[in-house]
Amino acid sequence: MTTAKNDTIALRISKVLADRIISGALEPGSRLGQDHVAEEFGASHVPVREAFRRLESQGLVASEPRRGVRVAGFSLEEVREVAEMRSALEVLALRNAAPHLTKAILDQAEEANRAADRARDVQAWEEANRSFHRTIIAPCGMPRLLKAIDDLHMTSARFLFSGWRAEWEAPTDRDHRTILDALRAGQVEAAASVLARHVQTIGQKRPR
């Protein structure tokens, strides 16, 4: 099997497993057996190991000596750390993206925000929320920065799912509206300030 094909299969496996972990289908402490995963996806152990490495870099699994790979747990301190990191990195990305934000891009972000308001469950809301954030920072043209933010956002999603799995009511996100209004007015630092505070709020939520 070629390296390129292995990478493609590994990415598919990591995305499926990440979705299961984020949604709570795979709970903290659950063991991920290499043989079992390889059999499920009809893959060799090579892409499975690569998928596990991807998940570990995202903080979703932990590799333990003699115990294999297990779904990682998380503490309130980790929630706060991720929030602080996301806040700093997303602000950096927004400042670099701002000169390239067109009306069409901001309209796309506004539609993502409306989709979040219409969401009927936490998964639909999180997808729309992630789309909003990604849309306004993607034009920064810094792929490594965006990759780091994507990984942190995936971890954040897991915290949110944990807190909202039992009770769900779609929030109206006024911060998103304020950020968009500021960007449309060319007030980049005002938008960055609201974004920083907005992302840090996840660090104030205690996972359940």
N, C-alpha and C. Protein backbone atom coordinates (compact mmCIF):
# COMPACT_ATOMS: atom_id res chain seq x y z
N MET A 1 0.84 -1.19 0.00
CA MET A 1 0.00 0.00 0.00
C MET A 1 0.88 1.25 0.00
N THR A 2 0.60 2.23 -0.87
CA THR A 2 1.44 3.41 -0.97
C THR A 2 1.26 4.30 0.24
N THR A 3 2.27 5.17 0.45
CA THR A 3 2.20 6.11 1.57
C THR A 3 1.00 7.04 1.43
N ALA A 4 0.75 7.53 0.20
CA ALA A 4 -0.37 8.45 -0.03
C ALA A 4 -1.70 7.78 0.32
N LYS A 5 -1.84 6.52 -0.08
CA LYS A 5 -3.08 5.80 0.21
C LYS A 5 -3.22 5.56 1.71
N ASN A 6 -2.12 5.22 2.36
CA ASN A 6 -2.14 5.04 3.82
C ASN A 6 -2.58 6.32 4.51
N ASP A 7 -2.05 7.46 4.04
CA ASP A 7 -2.39 8.75 4.64
C ASP A 7 -3.88 9.05 4.48
N THR A 8 -4.43 8.74 3.30
CA THR A 8 -5.85 8.98 3.05
C THR A 8 -6.73 8.12 3.96
N ILE A 9 -6.37 6.84 4.09
CA ILE A 9 -7.13 5.94 4.96
C ILE A 9 -6.98 6.37 6.42
N ALA A 10 -5.78 6.75 6.81
CA ALA A 10 -5.54 7.19 8.20
C ALA A 10 -6.39 8.41 8.53
N LEU A 11 -6.50 9.34 7.58
CA LEU A 11 -7.30 10.54 7.81
C LEU A 11 -8.77 10.17 7.98
N ARG A 12 -9.25 9.26 7.15
CA ARG A 12 -10.66 8.83 7.24
C ARG A 12 -10.92 8.15 8.59
N ILE A 13 -10.01 7.28 9.00
CA ILE A 13 -10.18 6.58 10.28
C ILE A 13 -10.16 7.58 11.43
N SER A 14 -9.22 8.51 11.40
CA SER A 14 -9.10 9.47 12.50
C SER A 14 -10.34 10.35 12.60
N LYS A 15 -10.92 10.71 11.45
CA LYS A 15 -12.12 11.56 11.47
C LYS A 15 -13.31 10.82 12.04
N VAL A 16 -13.49 9.56 11.66
CA VAL A 16 -14.60 8.78 12.18
C VAL A 16 -14.46 8.58 13.68
N LEU A 17 -13.27 8.21 14.12
CA LEU A 17 -13.05 8.00 15.55
C LEU A 17 -13.19 9.30 16.33
N ALA A 18 -12.70 10.40 15.75
CA ALA A 18 -12.83 11.70 16.41
C ALA A 18 -14.30 12.06 16.61
N ASP A 19 -15.12 11.81 15.60
CA ASP A 19 -16.55 12.10 15.72
C ASP A 19 -17.17 11.28 16.85
N ARG A 20 -16.76 10.04 16.96
CA ARG A 20 -17.30 9.17 18.02
C ARG A 20 -16.88 9.66 19.40
N ILE A 21 -15.63 10.11 19.51
CA ILE A 21 -15.13 10.60 20.79
C ILE A 21 -15.81 11.90 21.17
N ILE A 22 -15.92 12.81 20.21
CA ILE A 22 -16.52 14.12 20.48
C ILE A 22 -17.99 13.99 20.87
N SER A 23 -18.70 13.08 20.19
CA SER A 23 -20.13 12.92 20.46
C SER A 23 -20.40 12.16 21.76
N GLY A 24 -19.36 11.51 22.30
CA GLY A 24 -19.53 10.74 23.53
C GLY A 24 -19.83 9.27 23.29
N ALA A 25 -19.90 8.87 22.01
CA ALA A 25 -20.11 7.45 21.71
C ALA A 25 -18.97 6.60 22.23
N LEU A 26 -17.76 7.18 22.20
CA LEU A 26 -16.60 6.56 22.84
C LEU A 26 -16.26 7.40 24.07
N GLU A 27 -16.40 6.82 25.23
CA GLU A 27 -16.23 7.57 26.47
C GLU A 27 -14.78 7.54 26.95
N PRO A 28 -14.40 8.51 27.80
CA PRO A 28 -13.05 8.52 28.36
C PRO A 28 -12.69 7.19 29.00
N GLY A 29 -11.50 6.70 28.69
CA GLY A 29 -11.05 5.44 29.23
C GLY A 29 -11.30 4.26 28.31
N SER A 30 -12.16 4.46 27.29
CA SER A 30 -12.45 3.37 26.36
C SER A 30 -11.18 2.99 25.60
N ARG A 31 -10.94 1.69 25.47
CA ARG A 31 -9.74 1.23 24.78
C ARG A 31 -10.01 1.14 23.28
N LEU A 32 -9.04 1.59 22.49
CA LEU A 32 -9.12 1.49 21.04
C LEU A 32 -8.15 0.40 20.60
N GLY A 33 -8.69 -0.75 20.25
CA GLY A 33 -7.84 -1.87 19.85
C GLY A 33 -7.40 -1.73 18.40
N GLN A 34 -6.11 -1.81 18.17
CA GLN A 34 -5.57 -1.66 16.82
C GLN A 34 -6.15 -2.72 15.88
N ASP A 35 -6.22 -3.96 16.34
CA ASP A 35 -6.76 -5.03 15.51
C ASP A 35 -8.22 -4.79 15.17
N HIS A 36 -8.98 -4.38 16.16
CA HIS A 36 -10.42 -4.16 15.97
C HIS A 36 -10.66 -3.02 14.97
N VAL A 37 -9.93 -1.92 15.13
CA VAL A 37 -10.10 -0.77 14.23
C VAL A 37 -9.68 -1.14 12.81
N ALA A 38 -8.57 -1.85 12.69
CA ALA A 38 -8.10 -2.26 11.37
C ALA A 38 -9.14 -3.13 10.68
N GLU A 39 -9.76 -4.04 11.44
CA GLU A 39 -10.77 -4.93 10.86
C GLU A 39 -12.00 -4.14 10.44
N GLU A 40 -12.43 -3.21 11.29
CA GLU A 40 -13.63 -2.42 10.98
C GLU A 40 -13.47 -1.64 9.68
N PHE A 41 -12.29 -1.06 9.47
CA PHE A 41 -12.08 -0.21 8.30
C PHE A 41 -11.42 -0.95 7.13
N GLY A 42 -11.19 -2.24 7.31
CA GLY A 42 -10.57 -3.01 6.25
C GLY A 42 -9.19 -2.48 5.90
N ALA A 43 -8.42 -2.10 6.91
CA ALA A 43 -7.12 -1.47 6.70
C ALA A 43 -6.02 -2.27 7.39
N SER A 44 -4.78 -2.00 7.00
CA SER A 44 -3.65 -2.59 7.69
C SER A 44 -3.37 -1.80 8.96
N HIS A 45 -2.41 -2.26 9.74
CA HIS A 45 -2.10 -1.58 10.99
C HIS A 45 -1.38 -0.25 10.76
N VAL A 46 -0.77 -0.07 9.60
CA VAL A 46 0.00 1.15 9.34
C VAL A 46 -0.88 2.40 9.38
N PRO A 47 -1.98 2.48 8.61
CA PRO A 47 -2.83 3.67 8.70
C PRO A 47 -3.55 3.80 10.04
N VAL A 48 -3.81 2.67 10.69
CA VAL A 48 -4.46 2.73 12.00
C VAL A 48 -3.53 3.40 13.01
N ARG A 49 -2.27 3.02 12.99
CA ARG A 49 -1.29 3.66 13.90
C ARG A 49 -1.18 5.15 13.60
N GLU A 50 -1.20 5.52 12.33
CA GLU A 50 -1.12 6.93 11.96
C GLU A 50 -2.37 7.66 12.43
N ALA A 51 -3.54 7.02 12.31
CA ALA A 51 -4.79 7.63 12.79
C ALA A 51 -4.72 7.87 14.30
N PHE A 52 -4.18 6.90 15.03
CA PHE A 52 -4.04 7.05 16.47
C PHE A 52 -3.11 8.23 16.80
N ARG A 53 -2.02 8.38 16.01
CA ARG A 53 -1.11 9.50 16.25
C ARG A 53 -1.81 10.83 16.01
N ARG A 54 -2.64 10.90 14.98
CA ARG A 54 -3.39 12.13 14.71
C ARG A 54 -4.32 12.46 15.88
N LEU A 55 -5.02 11.44 16.36
CA LEU A 55 -5.95 11.65 17.47
C LEU A 55 -5.21 12.07 18.74
N GLU A 56 -4.03 11.50 18.95
CA GLU A 56 -3.24 11.86 20.13
C GLU A 56 -2.77 13.31 20.04
N SER A 57 -2.40 13.77 18.84
CA SER A 57 -1.96 15.15 18.67
C SER A 57 -3.10 16.13 18.91
N GLN A 58 -4.34 15.65 18.73
CA GLN A 58 -5.52 16.48 18.97
C GLN A 58 -6.01 16.39 20.41
N GLY A 59 -5.32 15.59 21.21
CA GLY A 59 -5.69 15.46 22.61
C GLY A 59 -6.90 14.58 22.85
N LEU A 60 -7.29 13.79 21.85
CA LEU A 60 -8.49 12.96 21.98
C LEU A 60 -8.20 11.56 22.51
N VAL A 61 -6.98 11.07 22.32
CA VAL A 61 -6.61 9.77 22.86
C VAL A 61 -5.25 9.89 23.55
N ALA A 62 -4.95 8.90 24.34
CA ALA A 62 -3.66 8.84 25.02
C ALA A 62 -3.07 7.44 24.84
N SER A 63 -1.79 7.38 24.55
CA SER A 63 -1.10 6.10 24.40
C SER A 63 -0.40 5.79 25.71
N GLU A 64 -0.71 4.63 26.29
CA GLU A 64 -0.16 4.26 27.58
C GLU A 64 0.67 2.98 27.45
N PRO A 65 1.86 2.98 28.02
CA PRO A 65 2.70 1.77 27.97
C PRO A 65 1.98 0.55 28.51
N ARG A 66 2.00 -0.52 27.73
CA ARG A 66 1.41 -1.82 28.10
C ARG A 66 -0.11 -1.78 28.22
N ARG A 67 -0.72 -0.61 27.97
CA ARG A 67 -2.19 -0.54 28.04
C ARG A 67 -2.80 -0.16 26.70
N GLY A 68 -1.95 0.20 25.75
CA GLY A 68 -2.45 0.55 24.44
C GLY A 68 -2.99 1.97 24.37
N VAL A 69 -3.94 2.19 23.46
CA VAL A 69 -4.49 3.52 23.22
C VAL A 69 -5.89 3.60 23.81
N ARG A 70 -6.12 4.63 24.59
CA ARG A 70 -7.43 4.83 25.22
C ARG A 70 -7.93 6.24 24.97
N VAL A 71 -9.24 6.41 24.99
CA VAL A 71 -9.84 7.73 24.85
C VAL A 71 -9.43 8.56 26.06
N ALA A 72 -8.91 9.75 25.79
CA ALA A 72 -8.40 10.60 26.86
C ALA A 72 -9.54 11.26 27.64
N GLY A 73 -9.32 11.41 28.93
CA GLY A 73 -10.23 12.21 29.73
C GLY A 73 -9.79 13.67 29.68
N PHE A 74 -10.45 14.52 30.43
CA PHE A 74 -10.01 15.92 30.49
C PHE A 74 -10.44 16.54 31.81
N SER A 75 -9.66 17.51 32.23
CA SER A 75 -9.93 18.21 33.48
C SER A 75 -10.33 19.65 33.20
N LEU A 76 -10.81 20.33 34.22
CA LEU A 76 -11.18 21.74 34.06
C LEU A 76 -9.97 22.57 33.67
N GLU A 77 -8.80 22.20 34.20
CA GLU A 77 -7.57 22.93 33.86
C GLU A 77 -7.27 22.80 32.36
N GLU A 78 -7.50 21.61 31.80
CA GLU A 78 -7.26 21.41 30.37
C GLU A 78 -8.26 22.20 29.53
N VAL A 79 -9.50 22.28 29.99
CA VAL A 79 -10.51 23.07 29.29
C VAL A 79 -10.05 24.53 29.21
N ARG A 80 -9.57 25.04 30.33
CA ARG A 80 -9.12 26.44 30.38
C ARG A 80 -7.89 26.66 29.51
N GLU A 81 -6.97 25.69 29.53
CA GLU A 81 -5.76 25.81 28.71
C GLU A 81 -6.11 25.88 27.23
N VAL A 82 -7.00 25.00 26.79
CA VAL A 82 -7.41 25.00 25.38
C VAL A 82 -8.09 26.31 25.02
N ALA A 83 -8.92 26.83 25.92
CA ALA A 83 -9.60 28.09 25.66
C ALA A 83 -8.60 29.23 25.50
N GLU A 84 -7.59 29.27 26.37
CA GLU A 84 -6.58 30.33 26.29
C GLU A 84 -5.79 30.22 24.98
N MET A 85 -5.43 29.00 24.61
CA MET A 85 -4.67 28.80 23.38
C MET A 85 -5.49 29.18 22.15
N ARG A 86 -6.75 28.73 22.12
CA ARG A 86 -7.61 29.08 20.99
C ARG A 86 -7.79 30.57 20.88
N SER A 87 -7.99 31.23 22.01
CA SER A 87 -8.20 32.67 22.02
C SER A 87 -7.02 33.39 21.39
N ALA A 88 -5.82 33.05 21.83
CA ALA A 88 -4.62 33.72 21.33
C ALA A 88 -4.40 33.45 19.84
N LEU A 89 -4.56 32.19 19.44
CA LEU A 89 -4.28 31.82 18.05
C LEU A 89 -5.35 32.34 17.09
N GLU A 90 -6.61 32.30 17.50
CA GLU A 90 -7.67 32.79 16.61
C GLU A 90 -7.57 34.31 16.42
N VAL A 91 -7.19 35.01 17.45
CA VAL A 91 -7.00 36.46 17.30
C VAL A 91 -5.85 36.75 16.33
N LEU A 92 -4.76 36.00 16.46
CA LEU A 92 -3.64 36.16 15.53
C LEU A 92 -4.10 35.90 14.10
N ALA A 93 -4.86 34.83 13.90
CA ALA A 93 -5.35 34.49 12.57
C ALA A 93 -6.30 35.57 12.03
N LEU A 94 -7.18 36.08 12.89
CA LEU A 94 -8.14 37.10 12.45
C LEU A 94 -7.43 38.37 12.01
N ARG A 95 -6.42 38.79 12.76
CA ARG A 95 -5.69 40.00 12.40
C ARG A 95 -5.02 39.86 11.03
N ASN A 96 -4.53 38.66 10.73
CA ASN A 96 -3.89 38.44 9.44
C ASN A 96 -4.91 38.21 8.32
N ALA A 97 -6.11 37.75 8.70
CA ALA A 97 -7.15 37.50 7.71
C ALA A 97 -7.90 38.77 7.34
N ALA A 98 -7.98 39.71 8.29
CA ALA A 98 -8.82 40.90 8.12
C ALA A 98 -8.64 41.63 6.79
N PRO A 99 -7.41 41.86 6.31
CA PRO A 99 -7.26 42.59 5.03
C PRO A 99 -7.86 41.85 3.84
N HIS A 100 -8.14 40.56 3.99
CA HIS A 100 -8.62 39.75 2.88
C HIS A 100 -10.09 39.36 3.03
N LEU A 101 -10.75 39.89 4.05
CA LEU A 101 -12.15 39.55 4.28
C LEU A 101 -13.05 40.37 3.35
N THR A 102 -13.68 39.72 2.41
CA THR A 102 -14.58 40.38 1.47
C THR A 102 -16.01 40.33 2.00
N LYS A 103 -16.89 41.08 1.34
CA LYS A 103 -18.30 41.05 1.71
C LYS A 103 -18.85 39.63 1.56
N ALA A 104 -18.44 38.93 0.51
CA ALA A 104 -18.93 37.56 0.29
C ALA A 104 -18.52 36.64 1.43
N ILE A 105 -17.29 36.79 1.92
CA ILE A 105 -16.82 35.95 3.03
C ILE A 105 -17.60 36.26 4.30
N LEU A 106 -17.82 37.53 4.57
CA LEU A 106 -18.57 37.91 5.77
C LEU A 106 -20.02 37.48 5.66
N ASP A 107 -20.58 37.52 4.46
CA ASP A 107 -21.95 37.01 4.26
C ASP A 107 -22.01 35.51 4.54
N GLN A 108 -20.97 34.80 4.14
CA GLN A 108 -20.89 33.36 4.40
C GLN A 108 -20.84 33.09 5.90
N ALA A 109 -20.06 33.90 6.63
CA ALA A 109 -19.98 33.76 8.08
C ALA A 109 -21.34 34.06 8.73
N GLU A 110 -22.03 35.05 8.17
CA GLU A 110 -23.35 35.40 8.72
C GLU A 110 -24.34 34.25 8.52
N GLU A 111 -24.26 33.59 7.38
CA GLU A 111 -25.14 32.44 7.13
C GLU A 111 -24.83 31.30 8.09
N ALA A 112 -23.55 31.09 8.39
CA ALA A 112 -23.18 30.08 9.38
C ALA A 112 -23.76 30.41 10.74
N ASN A 113 -23.77 31.70 11.07
CA ASN A 113 -24.33 32.13 12.35
C ASN A 113 -25.84 31.89 12.39
N ARG A 114 -26.52 32.14 11.28
CA ARG A 114 -27.96 31.87 11.21
C ARG A 114 -28.24 30.37 11.33
N ALA A 115 -27.36 29.57 10.72
CA ALA A 115 -27.52 28.11 10.82
C ALA A 115 -27.39 27.66 12.27
N ALA A 116 -26.50 28.29 13.01
CA ALA A 116 -26.34 27.95 14.43
C ALA A 116 -27.60 28.29 15.21
N ASP A 117 -28.22 29.44 14.89
CA ASP A 117 -29.46 29.84 15.57
C ASP A 117 -30.60 28.86 15.29
N ARG A 118 -30.56 28.23 14.10
CA ARG A 118 -31.63 27.29 13.71
C ARG A 118 -31.36 25.86 14.18
N ALA A 119 -30.18 25.62 14.73
CA ALA A 119 -29.78 24.25 15.07
C ALA A 119 -30.74 23.59 16.05
N ARG A 120 -31.02 22.32 15.79
CA ARG A 120 -31.95 21.58 16.64
C ARG A 120 -31.24 20.65 17.62
N ASP A 121 -29.94 20.52 17.47
CA ASP A 121 -29.18 19.70 18.42
C ASP A 121 -27.77 20.25 18.52
N VAL A 122 -27.04 19.77 19.50
CA VAL A 122 -25.71 20.31 19.78
C VAL A 122 -24.74 20.03 18.63
N GLN A 123 -24.91 18.91 17.95
CA GLN A 123 -24.00 18.59 16.85
C GLN A 123 -24.16 19.57 15.70
N ALA A 124 -25.40 19.87 15.32
CA ALA A 124 -25.64 20.84 14.24
C ALA A 124 -25.15 22.22 14.64
N TRP A 125 -25.36 22.58 15.91
CA TRP A 125 -24.90 23.88 16.37
C TRP A 125 -23.37 23.97 16.31
N GLU A 126 -22.71 22.92 16.79
CA GLU A 126 -21.24 22.96 16.83
C GLU A 126 -20.66 23.05 15.41
N GLU A 127 -21.26 22.34 14.47
CA GLU A 127 -20.77 22.40 13.09
C GLU A 127 -20.92 23.80 12.52
N ALA A 128 -22.05 24.44 12.79
CA ALA A 128 -22.27 25.81 12.30
C ALA A 128 -21.34 26.78 13.01
N ASN A 129 -21.16 26.58 14.31
CA ASN A 129 -20.26 27.44 15.08
C ASN A 129 -18.83 27.34 14.57
N ARG A 130 -18.39 26.11 14.30
CA ARG A 130 -17.04 25.91 13.79
C ARG A 130 -16.89 26.55 12.41
N SER A 131 -17.95 26.44 11.60
CA SER A 131 -17.92 27.05 10.26
C SER A 131 -17.77 28.56 10.35
N PHE A 132 -18.47 29.18 11.31
CA PHE A 132 -18.35 30.63 11.48
C PHE A 132 -16.91 31.02 11.79
N HIS A 133 -16.34 30.37 12.79
CA HIS A 133 -14.97 30.70 13.20
C HIS A 133 -13.98 30.46 12.07
N ARG A 134 -14.13 29.33 11.41
CA ARG A 134 -13.20 28.99 10.33
C ARG A 134 -13.30 29.99 9.18
N THR A 135 -14.52 30.43 8.86
CA THR A 135 -14.73 31.33 7.72
C THR A 135 -14.02 32.66 7.91
N ILE A 136 -14.07 33.21 9.12
CA ILE A 136 -13.49 34.55 9.30
C ILE A 136 -11.97 34.53 9.47
N ILE A 137 -11.39 33.34 9.75
CA ILE A 137 -9.93 33.31 9.92
C ILE A 137 -9.20 32.63 8.77
N ALA A 138 -9.93 31.88 7.92
CA ALA A 138 -9.29 31.13 6.85
C ALA A 138 -8.45 31.99 5.90
N PRO A 139 -8.86 33.24 5.60
CA PRO A 139 -8.06 34.05 4.66
C PRO A 139 -6.72 34.52 5.21
N CYS A 140 -6.35 34.10 6.42
CA CYS A 140 -5.07 34.53 6.99
C CYS A 140 -3.89 34.00 6.18
N GLY A 141 -4.11 32.90 5.45
CA GLY A 141 -3.04 32.35 4.62
C GLY A 141 -1.91 31.73 5.41
N MET A 142 -2.22 31.20 6.59
CA MET A 142 -1.21 30.58 7.46
C MET A 142 -1.65 29.16 7.79
N PRO A 143 -1.33 28.20 6.92
CA PRO A 143 -1.87 26.85 7.07
C PRO A 143 -1.49 26.15 8.37
N ARG A 144 -0.28 26.36 8.87
CA ARG A 144 0.11 25.70 10.12
C ARG A 144 -0.70 26.26 11.29
N LEU A 145 -0.92 27.55 11.27
CA LEU A 145 -1.72 28.18 12.31
C LEU A 145 -3.15 27.65 12.26
N LEU A 146 -3.72 27.55 11.07
CA LEU A 146 -5.08 27.05 10.92
C LEU A 146 -5.19 25.60 11.36
N LYS A 147 -4.17 24.81 11.07
CA LYS A 147 -4.18 23.40 11.50
C LYS A 147 -4.19 23.32 13.03
N ALA A 148 -3.38 24.14 13.68
CA ALA A 148 -3.35 24.14 15.14
C ALA A 148 -4.71 24.55 15.71
N ILE A 149 -5.33 25.55 15.10
CA ILE A 149 -6.64 26.00 15.56
C ILE A 149 -7.69 24.92 15.34
N ASP A 150 -7.64 24.25 14.20
CA ASP A 150 -8.59 23.17 13.92
C ASP A 150 -8.50 22.08 14.99
N ASP A 151 -7.28 21.71 15.38
CA ASP A 151 -7.10 20.69 16.40
C ASP A 151 -7.67 21.15 17.75
N LEU A 152 -7.43 22.40 18.09
CA LEU A 152 -7.94 22.93 19.36
C LEU A 152 -9.46 23.03 19.33
N HIS A 153 -10.01 23.40 18.17
CA HIS A 153 -11.46 23.52 18.06
C HIS A 153 -12.12 22.16 18.21
N MET A 154 -11.48 21.12 17.70
CA MET A 154 -12.00 19.77 17.86
C MET A 154 -12.04 19.38 19.33
N THR A 155 -10.99 19.73 20.04
CA THR A 155 -10.96 19.45 21.48
C THR A 155 -12.03 20.25 22.21
N SER A 156 -12.20 21.52 21.82
CA SER A 156 -13.24 22.35 22.42
C SER A 156 -14.61 21.76 22.20
N ALA A 157 -14.84 21.21 21.01
CA ALA A 157 -16.13 20.62 20.69
C ALA A 157 -16.44 19.49 21.66
N ARG A 158 -15.43 18.73 22.00
CA ARG A 158 -15.64 17.62 22.94
C ARG A 158 -16.09 18.14 24.30
N PHE A 159 -15.48 19.24 24.76
CA PHE A 159 -15.89 19.83 26.03
C PHE A 159 -17.36 20.25 25.98
N LEU A 160 -17.74 20.88 24.85
CA LEU A 160 -19.10 21.37 24.71
C LEU A 160 -20.10 20.21 24.68
N PHE A 161 -19.77 19.16 23.94
CA PHE A 161 -20.65 18.01 23.88
C PHE A 161 -20.84 17.39 25.26
N SER A 162 -19.76 17.35 26.02
CA SER A 162 -19.83 16.78 27.36
C SER A 162 -20.78 17.57 28.24
N GLY A 163 -20.73 18.90 28.11
CA GLY A 163 -21.56 19.74 28.96
C GLY A 163 -23.01 19.82 28.52
N TRP A 164 -23.25 19.65 27.21
CA TRP A 164 -24.60 19.87 26.70
C TRP A 164 -25.32 18.60 26.28
N ARG A 165 -24.69 17.43 26.48
CA ARG A 165 -25.29 16.20 25.97
C ARG A 165 -26.65 15.94 26.61
N ALA A 166 -26.79 16.22 27.90
CA ALA A 166 -28.02 15.89 28.60
C ALA A 166 -29.12 16.92 28.37
N GLU A 167 -28.77 18.18 28.23
CA GLU A 167 -29.78 19.22 28.08
C GLU A 167 -29.31 20.20 27.01
N TRP A 168 -30.17 20.45 26.04
CA TRP A 168 -29.75 21.26 24.90
C TRP A 168 -30.78 22.32 24.58
N GLU A 169 -30.33 23.55 24.46
CA GLU A 169 -31.17 24.64 23.99
C GLU A 169 -30.26 25.54 23.15
N ALA A 170 -30.63 25.75 21.90
CA ALA A 170 -29.77 26.51 20.99
C ALA A 170 -29.53 27.91 21.52
N PRO A 171 -28.27 28.29 21.73
CA PRO A 171 -27.98 29.65 22.21
C PRO A 171 -28.03 30.65 21.07
N THR A 172 -28.40 31.87 21.36
CA THR A 172 -28.31 32.95 20.38
C THR A 172 -26.96 33.62 20.60
N ASP A 173 -26.10 33.57 19.60
CA ASP A 173 -24.73 34.03 19.80
C ASP A 173 -24.58 35.51 19.41
N ARG A 174 -24.72 36.36 20.41
CA ARG A 174 -24.60 37.80 20.16
C ARG A 174 -23.16 38.20 19.87
N ASP A 175 -22.21 37.44 20.41
CA ASP A 175 -20.80 37.76 20.15
C ASP A 175 -20.49 37.64 18.67
N HIS A 176 -21.01 36.61 18.01
CA HIS A 176 -20.77 36.45 16.58
C HIS A 176 -21.29 37.66 15.81
N ARG A 177 -22.48 38.12 16.18
CA ARG A 177 -23.06 39.29 15.52
C ARG A 177 -22.18 40.52 15.74
N THR A 178 -21.69 40.70 16.96
CA THR A 178 -20.83 41.85 17.26
C THR A 178 -19.53 41.79 16.47
N ILE A 179 -18.95 40.59 16.37
CA ILE A 179 -17.71 40.41 15.60
C ILE A 179 -17.93 40.75 14.14
N LEU A 180 -19.03 40.26 13.57
CA LEU A 180 -19.33 40.55 12.17
C LEU A 180 -19.55 42.04 11.93
N ASP A 181 -20.31 42.68 12.81
CA ASP A 181 -20.56 44.11 12.67
C ASP A 181 -19.25 44.91 12.70
N ALA A 182 -18.36 44.53 13.60
CA ALA A 182 -17.07 45.22 13.71
C ALA A 182 -16.23 45.00 12.46
N LEU A 183 -16.22 43.79 11.95
CA LEU A 183 -15.43 43.51 10.74
C LEU A 183 -16.00 44.25 9.53
N ARG A 184 -17.31 44.32 9.41
CA ARG A 184 -17.92 45.05 8.30
C ARG A 184 -17.60 46.54 8.37
N ALA A 185 -17.41 47.02 9.60
CA ALA A 185 -17.09 48.45 9.79
C ALA A 185 -15.59 48.71 9.73
N GLY A 186 -14.80 47.67 9.51
CA GLY A 186 -13.35 47.83 9.45
C GLY A 186 -12.69 47.98 10.80
N GLN A 187 -13.42 47.64 11.87
CA GLN A 187 -12.89 47.78 13.23
C GLN A 187 -12.28 46.44 13.68
N VAL A 188 -11.11 46.16 13.15
CA VAL A 188 -10.49 44.86 13.35
C VAL A 188 -10.14 44.60 14.81
N GLU A 189 -9.58 45.58 15.49
CA GLU A 189 -9.18 45.36 16.89
C GLU A 189 -10.38 45.17 17.79
N ALA A 190 -11.49 45.84 17.48
CA ALA A 190 -12.71 45.63 18.26
C ALA A 190 -13.21 44.20 18.06
N ALA A 191 -13.17 43.74 16.81
CA ALA A 191 -13.59 42.37 16.52
C ALA A 191 -12.67 41.36 17.21
N ALA A 192 -11.37 41.63 17.20
CA ALA A 192 -10.40 40.74 17.83
C ALA A 192 -10.63 40.67 19.34
N SER A 193 -10.95 41.80 19.94
CA SER A 193 -11.18 41.84 21.38
C SER A 193 -12.40 41.00 21.77
N VAL A 194 -13.48 41.11 21.00
CA VAL A 194 -14.67 40.32 21.28
C VAL A 194 -14.40 38.84 21.04
N LEU A 195 -13.67 38.53 19.97
CA LEU A 195 -13.34 37.14 19.67
C LEU A 195 -12.53 36.52 20.80
N ALA A 196 -11.55 37.24 21.31
CA ALA A 196 -10.72 36.72 22.41
C ALA A 196 -11.57 36.38 23.62
N ARG A 197 -12.44 37.31 24.00
CA ARG A 197 -13.31 37.07 25.17
C ARG A 197 -14.29 35.93 24.90
N HIS A 198 -14.82 35.91 23.69
CA HIS A 198 -15.81 34.91 23.30
C HIS A 198 -15.23 33.49 23.41
N VAL A 199 -14.05 33.28 22.87
CA VAL A 199 -13.45 31.94 22.89
C VAL A 199 -13.08 31.53 24.31
N GLN A 200 -12.67 32.48 25.12
CA GLN A 200 -12.26 32.15 26.49
C GLN A 200 -13.43 31.69 27.36
N THR A 201 -14.67 31.96 26.92
CA THR A 201 -15.82 31.56 27.75
C THR A 201 -15.91 30.06 27.92
N ILE A 202 -15.36 29.29 26.96
CA ILE A 202 -15.40 27.83 27.12
C ILE A 202 -14.61 27.40 28.35
N GLY A 203 -13.60 28.19 28.70
CA GLY A 203 -12.79 27.85 29.86
C GLY A 203 -13.51 28.08 31.18
N GLN A 204 -14.68 28.73 31.09
CA GLN A 204 -15.46 29.00 32.30
C GLN A 204 -16.57 27.97 32.50
N LYS A 205 -16.68 27.03 31.55
CA LYS A 205 -17.72 26.00 31.63
C LYS A 205 -17.12 24.73 32.23
N ARG A 206 -17.73 24.22 33.25
CA ARG A 206 -17.24 22.99 33.89
C ARG A 206 -17.81 21.78 33.15
N PRO A 207 -16.96 20.90 32.62
CA PRO A 207 -17.46 19.72 31.94
C PRO A 207 -18.25 18.82 32.87
N ARG A 208 -19.32 18.19 32.29
CA ARG A 208 -20.15 17.31 33.11
C ARG A 208 -20.14 15.90 32.54
